[in-house]
Amino acid sequence: MSGRLFRRRHPLPMGQLGDLCNQLAGFLYSGVTVVQALDLLASTTGMPKASRQACRLLAKELREGLLLPEAMQRLNPLFPSTLIAAMRGADGHGKLAAALLRMGKQYTWRQQQKQQMLAGMAYPALLSGMVLCVAWLAVSWLLPQMEPLLTQMETLPPATRILLAGGRLLQNQGGAILAGAVVLGVLLHFLFRRPSVQLVCDRAVLHLPLLGRAQRQVATARFARTLADLYACGASILEAVALAADATGNRWIRKQAETAIRQVEEGGDWPQAIGRIDGFMPQLALCLQIGSQSGALREQLEMTAEVMDRQNALASKQMLNLLEPVSTVVLGALILLLMAAVLLPMYQYYDSLWSLY
């Protein structure tokens, strides 16, 4: 019953999953059995509640006689399909600890990527929020308070007229605007949940100016790293390709990978079929060709993933270094516009008073 209830919850977060795999691998390398290691982790108070609950449920399934990959599959979607495939391949070759360690490193790496991206966007988001608050205060409260005085003036600066018009619009039609925004948000939410729309968006994001190259580098690095880990754990190459394409998080790449897998099953050359997928960097095709011919596929994939990571990290750092000053200048200009809309009429008013004397 508890397994069925827990199955309705969200999957383990990437960071917690990486920590769980790394700690479980450490126990297995020390000679502890999987069930004993899970019991120890479930009783560790320092672990997150979701991870401890996952360990308890997984240990319960193992005590019923299931193998580790089967137990993880039964607790779907608690554990990702990439981890289940890695455990399935490693369980038959006696490399369970090594597979857990490899997958734990991958999940930790992906969590670090996400944190770096969020940290880089924190400063522009903070500045944008501050400007929106100032603009809302000026339009909804400050300028309406000054409107009786401003309407007595013969001429007003363009910025002041625009803000006054915006304030009147919010006062008169604020409810309708809010309702329209809510309806539009709901419609967009359901629109972007359609698979056809998601597929078009995922394809377009790979070819955006500036950002498209970074997206292709990230997709290539994730695909290469996941494929290398699953291949090293003993998973079949076609299963590893399908799961690696899914790990990119891009539906367009996933759809093309399904087509490529069908071509391979019909007798096609798998490095060429995968290399033709739109959304990967050209280095991946060369890596797959050389790796399959030389027998060093895992090493070639790991090297390609590291190259993509370095290039993407450098490009992301340069973009964020450029984004911070540009966003500061743009938002500073908006604040200057707001200040001009409020202060210029006051200067004109005092100047007209001074001319009377």
Foldseek 3Di string as FASTA:
>chain_A
DVLVVLLPDDADQLLLLLVLLLQLLVCVVVVDDSLVSLVVVLPDPVRDPLSNVVSVQQSVVVVVPDDNLVSPVSSPPHDPPLLSLLCVQQVVVVCNSVLSNLSSVLSNVVVVVVVVVCVLCPLLVVLVVVLVVVLCCLLQPVLVVCVVVLVVDPDADPLLVVSPVVSVCCVVCVVVVVVVVVVVVVVVVVVCVDPVNLQVVLLVQCPDPLRNVLLQLLLLLQLLSSQLSSVVSRGDNLVSNLVSQVRSVRVQQNVQSVVLSVVVVVPDDNLVSNCPRPSHDNLSSVLCVVCVVVVNNSVSSNVSSVVSVVVSVVSVVVVSVVVNVVSVVVSVVSVVSSCCSNVVSVVVVVVVVVVVD
